[in-house]
Amino acid sequence: MSDVTVNDYGHDAQFDDYFALLKPRVMSLVVFTAAVGLLVAPVGVNPVIGFASILFIALGAGASGALNMWWDADIDAVMKRTVKRPVPDGRVTPKNAMILGLWLSVLAVGMLALTANFFAAGLLAFTIFFYAVVYTMFLKRSTPQNIVIGGAAGAFPPMVGWAVATGGVSVESVMMFALIFVWTPPHFWALSLFMNDDYSKAGVPMLTVTHGTRVTRNNILGYTVLLALVAIGTAFTSIGGPVYLAVALVLNGMFLRGAFALWRRQDAAAEADKYAAERKFFRLSLVYLFAHFAALLVDAALRGFAFMPQLPVIF
């Protein structure tokens, strides 16, 4: 991290400023996927313990966000979509962001260990470390594979939720991890296609910056094909079901069509319509992940009421 003196203004920070450090939009996705991981597990959890566990997982996600904003203040200060974040905007000092992130990390991990089990707490601790140190401090600034490898950080929450219920890892939790892990590259590479100038100015070696848009489009298509296999394959685990399979078939058909359209696009056409197709694919990617996990939850609920037959379990 480079020295960032522009942030040390001494302005009085408000609660909203500190809350923004936690990346609430990212936190909401973490909470949802972790809750799905917990609720679809074959072992029931006391509702109070379950609620508390999800709360501490959310705090862990917020801790990661605060540490990320502390370290990335110099990058955020030159990117249009991040320049108004609390640290580069001077509303919170880098030191306070770091302190908040560290204390929330300790609190989240310690309380999850006491509330659920030490395995889940250890997995949460590793998730925070991976995002704040491995991804933020090293991968993000050093390799165009930053999103590919770093995507693991966002993929751990359903595994943590599953571990809260079961105390371990299984094929099902690995498949939920893989779903998010393989989804992350096409999601962020679509964003980088129309935000490439930001990444270039900030010196972030996104694939669009280091290898150009043609390679990026090729990779989006390749990862989308792999994603379809992972998503549909998840239907044939014990957490899958007819609802999930139907959602997976429809959405992966749409996602593959969108990725193919991006692969065929030339930069001149994209610039002419202000990256309309790329923006549409990015928005679809947001719906894609939510819908898959929501479908897992619906199938679990229907199985609980004996309304839905189980698909053949292959994995």
Protein backbone atom coordinates (compact mmCIF):
# COMPACT_ATOMS: atom_id res chain seq x y z
CA MET A 1 0.00 0.00 0.00
CA SER A 2 1.39 3.42 -0.91
CA ASP A 3 1.34 6.31 1.56
CA VAL A 4 -2.03 8.06 1.47
CA THR A 5 -1.96 11.35 3.35
CA VAL A 6 -5.04 12.70 1.61
CA ASN A 7 -7.20 10.64 3.96
CA ASP A 8 -5.92 12.09 7.23
CA TYR A 9 -8.24 15.07 7.38
CA GLY A 10 -9.53 14.51 10.88
CA HIS A 11 -13.15 14.92 9.84
CA ASP A 12 -15.68 13.64 12.35
CA ALA A 13 -16.76 10.26 11.07
CA GLN A 14 -20.40 9.30 11.33
CA PHE A 15 -21.87 5.85 11.98
CA ASP A 16 -22.83 5.60 8.29
CA ASP A 17 -19.20 6.12 7.32
CA TYR A 18 -18.01 3.24 9.46
CA PHE A 19 -20.88 1.07 8.27
CA ALA A 20 -19.89 1.79 4.66
CA LEU A 21 -16.43 0.40 5.46
CA LEU A 22 -18.05 -2.99 5.94
CA LYS A 23 -19.19 -3.10 2.29
CA PRO A 24 -22.85 -3.77 3.15
CA ARG A 25 -23.80 -4.85 -0.38
CA VAL A 26 -21.07 -7.49 -0.40
CA MET A 27 -21.99 -8.40 3.17
CA SER A 28 -25.60 -9.04 2.15
CA LEU A 29 -24.46 -11.60 -0.43
CA VAL A 30 -22.19 -13.24 2.15
CA VAL A 31 -25.04 -13.43 4.66
CA PHE A 32 -27.41 -14.93 2.09
CA THR A 33 -25.03 -17.60 0.76
CA ALA A 34 -23.84 -18.51 4.27
CA ALA A 35 -27.45 -18.80 5.45
CA VAL A 36 -28.25 -21.07 2.51
CA GLY A 37 -25.24 -23.23 3.34
CA LEU A 38 -26.49 -23.54 6.90
CA LEU A 39 -30.14 -24.17 6.03
CA VAL A 40 -29.61 -26.79 3.32
CA ALA A 41 -27.26 -28.83 5.52
CA PRO A 42 -28.59 -32.22 6.64
CA VAL A 43 -28.13 -31.32 10.32
CA GLY A 44 -30.59 -29.00 12.01
CA VAL A 45 -29.35 -26.00 14.00
CA ASN A 46 -31.02 -24.27 16.93
CA PRO A 47 -32.53 -21.05 15.48
CA VAL A 48 -30.79 -18.86 18.07
CA ILE A 49 -27.42 -20.45 17.36
CA GLY A 50 -28.06 -20.24 13.63
CA PHE A 51 -28.99 -16.56 13.76
CA ALA A 52 -25.99 -15.70 15.95
CA SER A 53 -23.67 -17.66 13.66
CA ILE A 54 -24.85 -15.81 10.57
CA LEU A 55 -24.44 -12.52 12.44
CA PHE A 56 -20.80 -13.34 13.25
CA ILE A 57 -20.15 -14.48 9.68
CA ALA A 58 -21.53 -11.10 8.55
CA LEU A 59 -19.17 -9.33 10.97
CA GLY A 60 -16.30 -11.33 9.50
CA ALA A 61 -17.29 -10.21 6.02
CA GLY A 62 -17.46 -6.62 7.25
CA ALA A 63 -14.03 -6.96 8.81
CA SER A 64 -12.63 -8.10 5.47
CA GLY A 65 -14.25 -5.10 3.78
CA ALA A 66 -12.76 -2.63 6.26
CA LEU A 67 -9.28 -4.11 5.91
CA ASN A 68 -9.64 -4.06 2.13
CA MET A 69 -10.61 -0.36 2.16
CA TRP A 70 -7.70 0.45 4.47
CA TRP A 71 -5.11 -1.20 2.25
CA ASP A 72 -6.63 -0.14 -1.07
CA ALA A 73 -7.13 3.54 -0.18
CA ASP A 74 -4.58 4.65 -2.80
CA ILE A 75 -6.30 2.62 -5.53
CA ASP A 76 -9.78 3.69 -4.48
CA ALA A 77 -8.76 7.35 -4.62
CA VAL A 78 -8.20 7.22 -8.40
CA MET A 79 -11.12 5.03 -9.46
CA LYS A 80 -14.43 6.69 -10.26
CA ARG A 81 -16.57 3.97 -8.72
CA THR A 82 -14.62 3.93 -5.43
CA VAL A 83 -13.40 7.49 -4.92
CA LYS A 84 -16.33 8.31 -2.61
CA ARG A 85 -15.59 5.46 -0.23
CA PRO A 86 -15.03 6.64 3.37
CA VAL A 87 -11.21 6.37 3.42
CA PRO A 88 -10.27 8.05 0.10
CA ASP A 89 -13.00 10.65 0.70
CA GLY A 90 -11.39 11.52 4.02
CA ARG A 91 -14.37 10.67 6.21
CA VAL A 92 -12.51 7.87 8.01
CA THR A 93 -8.75 7.72 8.56
CA PRO A 94 -6.82 4.66 7.30
CA LYS A 95 -5.75 3.88 10.86
CA ASN A 96 -9.34 3.75 12.10
CA ALA A 97 -10.38 1.55 9.18
CA MET A 98 -7.56 -0.87 9.99
CA ILE A 99 -8.41 -0.94 13.71
CA LEU A 100 -12.08 -1.57 12.98
CA GLY A 101 -11.22 -4.41 10.61
CA LEU A 102 -8.85 -6.09 13.06
CA TRP A 103 -11.20 -5.85 16.04
CA LEU A 104 -14.18 -7.11 14.06
CA SER A 105 -12.06 -10.03 12.80
CA VAL A 106 -11.19 -11.08 16.35
CA LEU A 107 -14.76 -10.61 17.53
CA ALA A 108 -16.33 -12.51 14.62
CA VAL A 109 -13.98 -15.49 14.77
CA GLY A 110 -13.97 -15.73 18.56
CA MET A 111 -17.73 -15.52 18.90
CA LEU A 112 -18.36 -18.01 16.08
CA ALA A 113 -16.07 -20.48 17.85
CA LEU A 114 -18.05 -20.07 21.07
CA THR A 115 -21.44 -20.09 19.33
CA ALA A 116 -21.01 -22.85 16.73
CA ASN A 117 -17.75 -24.81 16.57
CA PHE A 118 -14.02 -24.29 16.14
CA PHE A 119 -13.94 -25.69 12.61
CA ALA A 120 -16.42 -23.10 11.33
CA ALA A 121 -14.53 -20.37 13.20
CA GLY A 122 -11.22 -21.50 11.71
CA LEU A 123 -12.73 -21.48 8.23
CA LEU A 124 -14.05 -17.96 8.82
CA ALA A 125 -10.61 -16.84 10.04
CA PHE A 126 -9.01 -18.29 6.91
CA THR A 127 -11.61 -16.53 4.73
CA ILE A 128 -10.81 -13.15 6.30
CA PHE A 129 -7.07 -13.80 5.97
CA PHE A 130 -7.42 -14.90 2.35
CA TYR A 131 -9.41 -11.83 1.33
CA ALA A 132 -7.52 -9.22 3.34
CA VAL A 133 -3.98 -10.55 2.92
CA VAL A 134 -3.71 -13.02 0.06
CA TYR A 135 -6.09 -11.23 -2.33
CA THR A 136 -6.01 -7.57 -1.27
CA MET A 137 -2.32 -7.21 -0.36
CA PHE A 138 -0.78 -9.52 -2.96
CA LEU A 139 -2.91 -10.94 -5.76
CA LYS A 140 -4.88 -7.82 -6.64
CA ARG A 141 -1.77 -5.79 -7.50
CA SER A 142 0.47 -8.51 -8.88
CA THR A 143 -1.34 -10.78 -11.33
CA PRO A 144 -4.18 -10.77 -13.88
CA GLN A 145 -5.29 -13.97 -12.16
CA ASN A 146 -6.25 -11.84 -9.14
CA ILE A 147 -9.97 -12.39 -9.63
CA VAL A 148 -9.61 -16.09 -10.47
CA ILE A 149 -7.62 -17.02 -7.34
CA GLY A 150 -9.04 -14.28 -5.15
CA GLY A 151 -12.56 -15.44 -5.97
CA ALA A 152 -12.08 -18.13 -3.34
CA ALA A 153 -12.58 -15.52 -0.62
CA GLY A 154 -16.14 -14.82 -1.75
CA ALA A 155 -16.83 -18.52 -2.24
CA PHE A 156 -16.15 -19.65 1.35
CA PRO A 157 -19.32 -18.29 3.10
CA PRO A 158 -21.65 -21.19 2.18
CA MET A 159 -18.94 -23.58 3.33
CA VAL A 160 -18.76 -21.71 6.63
CA GLY A 161 -22.54 -21.90 6.99
CA TRP A 162 -22.46 -25.62 6.22
CA ALA A 163 -19.66 -26.09 8.78
CA VAL A 164 -21.75 -24.32 11.44
CA ALA A 165 -24.36 -27.05 11.03
CA THR A 166 -22.19 -30.09 10.35
CA GLY A 167 -18.78 -29.24 11.81
CA GLY A 168 -17.07 -30.19 8.56
CA VAL A 169 -16.88 -30.11 4.76
CA SER A 170 -18.67 -32.27 2.20
CA VAL A 171 -19.19 -32.64 -1.53
CA GLU A 172 -22.26 -30.41 -1.25
CA SER A 173 -20.42 -27.54 0.44
CA VAL A 174 -17.56 -27.85 -2.05
CA MET A 175 -20.04 -27.58 -4.92
CA MET A 176 -21.55 -24.41 -3.42
CA PHE A 177 -18.00 -23.06 -3.09
CA ALA A 178 -17.27 -23.99 -6.71
CA LEU A 179 -20.45 -22.31 -7.93
CA ILE A 180 -19.34 -18.94 -6.54
CA PHE A 181 -15.66 -19.50 -7.34
CA VAL A 182 -16.25 -20.16 -11.06
CA TRP A 183 -18.93 -17.44 -11.27
CA THR A 184 -16.57 -14.74 -9.99
CA PRO A 185 -14.26 -14.37 -13.05
CA PRO A 186 -16.96 -13.80 -15.70
CA HIS A 187 -18.82 -11.52 -13.28
CA PHE A 188 -15.82 -9.24 -12.66
CA TRP A 189 -14.35 -9.49 -16.14
CA ALA A 190 -17.65 -8.26 -17.58
CA LEU A 191 -17.36 -5.30 -15.21
CA SER A 192 -13.76 -4.69 -16.24
CA LEU A 193 -14.73 -4.49 -19.91
CA PHE A 194 -16.65 -1.25 -19.30
CA MET A 195 -14.54 -0.04 -16.35
CA ASN A 196 -11.15 -0.74 -17.92
CA ASP A 197 -9.98 2.88 -17.74
CA ASP A 198 -10.43 2.87 -13.97
CA TYR A 199 -8.35 -0.25 -13.50
CA SER A 200 -5.70 1.03 -15.88
CA LYS A 201 -5.37 4.38 -14.05
CA ALA A 202 -5.17 2.60 -10.70
CA GLY A 203 -2.51 0.19 -11.93
CA VAL A 204 -4.60 -2.87 -11.14
CA PRO A 205 -3.52 -5.70 -13.51
CA MET A 206 -6.96 -6.87 -14.50
CA LEU A 207 -7.04 -9.15 -17.52
CA THR A 208 -8.41 -6.33 -19.69
CA VAL A 209 -5.38 -4.20 -18.77
CA THR A 210 -2.65 -6.83 -19.17
CA HIS A 211 -3.99 -8.95 -22.04
CA GLY A 212 -6.65 -6.82 -23.71
CA THR A 213 -10.36 -7.17 -24.27
CA ARG A 214 -10.19 -10.03 -26.80
CA VAL A 215 -8.46 -12.36 -24.35
CA THR A 216 -10.90 -11.24 -21.66
CA ARG A 217 -13.90 -12.05 -23.85
CA ASN A 218 -12.42 -15.47 -24.63
CA ASN A 219 -11.96 -16.17 -20.94
CA ILE A 220 -15.48 -15.03 -20.06
CA LEU A 221 -16.88 -17.58 -22.51
CA GLY A 222 -14.58 -20.35 -21.27
CA TYR A 223 -15.40 -19.81 -17.62
CA THR A 224 -19.11 -19.54 -18.38
CA VAL A 225 -19.05 -22.98 -20.00
CA LEU A 226 -17.29 -24.37 -16.91
CA LEU A 227 -19.76 -22.56 -14.67
CA ALA A 228 -22.70 -24.19 -16.44
CA LEU A 229 -21.23 -27.64 -15.77
CA VAL A 230 -20.70 -26.85 -12.08
CA ALA A 231 -24.14 -25.28 -11.66
CA ILE A 232 -26.05 -28.09 -13.34
CA GLY A 233 -23.90 -30.73 -11.64
CA THR A 234 -24.91 -29.32 -8.25
CA ALA A 235 -28.49 -30.35 -9.00
CA PHE A 236 -27.39 -33.99 -8.72
CA THR A 237 -26.03 -33.72 -5.19
CA SER A 238 -28.11 -34.21 -2.06
CA ILE A 239 -28.89 -30.47 -1.90
CA GLY A 240 -30.20 -30.32 -5.46
CA GLY A 241 -33.77 -30.76 -6.61
CA PRO A 242 -36.20 -30.14 -9.46
CA VAL A 243 -36.61 -26.43 -8.69
CA TYR A 244 -32.86 -25.88 -8.62
CA LEU A 245 -32.37 -27.91 -11.80
CA ALA A 246 -35.01 -25.89 -13.65
CA VAL A 247 -33.46 -22.60 -12.51
CA ALA A 248 -29.96 -23.81 -13.41
CA LEU A 249 -30.98 -24.91 -16.91
CA VAL A 250 -32.76 -21.64 -17.70
CA LEU A 251 -30.20 -19.28 -16.22
CA ASN A 252 -27.17 -21.09 -17.58
CA GLY A 253 -28.76 -21.07 -21.01
CA MET A 254 -29.18 -17.30 -20.71
CA PHE A 255 -25.68 -16.86 -19.30
CA LEU A 256 -24.09 -18.92 -22.06
CA ARG A 257 -25.98 -16.95 -24.70
CA GLY A 258 -24.80 -13.69 -23.12
CA ALA A 259 -21.20 -14.88 -22.91
CA PHE A 260 -21.29 -15.98 -26.54
CA ALA A 261 -22.63 -12.56 -27.53
CA LEU A 262 -19.76 -10.89 -25.66
CA TRP A 263 -17.26 -13.23 -27.30
CA ARG A 264 -18.51 -12.18 -30.75
CA ARG A 265 -18.40 -8.46 -29.93
CA GLN A 266 -15.77 -6.14 -31.29
CA ASP A 267 -14.53 -3.19 -29.28
CA ALA A 268 -15.83 -0.69 -31.84
CA ALA A 269 -19.38 -2.00 -31.47
CA ALA A 270 -19.09 -2.04 -27.67
CA GLU A 271 -17.85 1.54 -27.56
CA ALA A 272 -20.58 2.66 -29.96
CA ASP A 273 -23.41 1.49 -27.70
CA LYS A 274 -21.52 2.30 -24.46
CA TYR A 275 -20.99 -1.37 -23.59
CA ALA A 276 -24.71 -2.13 -23.42
CA ALA A 277 -24.26 -5.90 -23.83
CA GLU A 278 -21.45 -6.02 -21.27
CA ARG A 279 -23.53 -4.10 -18.73
CA LYS A 280 -26.50 -6.38 -19.36
CA PHE A 281 -24.34 -9.48 -18.83
CA PHE A 282 -22.97 -8.01 -15.59
CA ARG A 283 -26.50 -7.35 -14.29
CA LEU A 284 -27.54 -10.87 -15.25
CA SER A 285 -24.58 -12.25 -13.30
CA LEU A 286 -25.99 -10.66 -10.13
CA VAL A 287 -29.37 -12.30 -10.64
CA TYR A 288 -27.67 -15.56 -11.61
CA LEU A 289 -25.97 -16.19 -8.27
CA PHE A 290 -28.90 -15.10 -6.12
CA ALA A 291 -31.35 -17.26 -8.07
CA HIS A 292 -29.22 -20.40 -7.82
CA PHE A 293 -28.86 -20.15 -4.06
CA ALA A 294 -32.51 -19.20 -3.63
CA ALA A 295 -33.48 -22.31 -5.60
CA LEU A 296 -31.35 -24.49 -3.31
CA LEU A 297 -33.25 -23.01 -0.38
CA VAL A 298 -36.64 -23.66 -2.00
CA ASP A 299 -35.78 -27.29 -2.71
CA ALA A 300 -34.59 -27.77 0.88
CA ALA A 301 -37.86 -26.32 2.18
CA LEU A 302 -39.95 -28.53 -0.10
CA ARG A 303 -38.00 -31.62 0.93
CA GLY A 304 -38.63 -30.70 4.54
CA PHE A 305 -42.37 -30.79 3.89
CA ALA A 306 -42.03 -33.93 1.73
CA PHE A 307 -43.42 -32.06 -1.29
CA MET A 308 -40.53 -32.73 -3.63
CA PRO A 309 -38.80 -35.93 -4.77
CA GLN A 310 -35.00 -36.12 -4.64
CA LEU A 311 -33.10 -36.13 -7.94
CA PRO A 312 -30.61 -38.97 -8.43
CA VAL A 313 -27.51 -38.18 -6.36
CA ILE A 314 -24.44 -38.56 -8.59
CA PHE A 315 -21.86 -36.50 -6.72
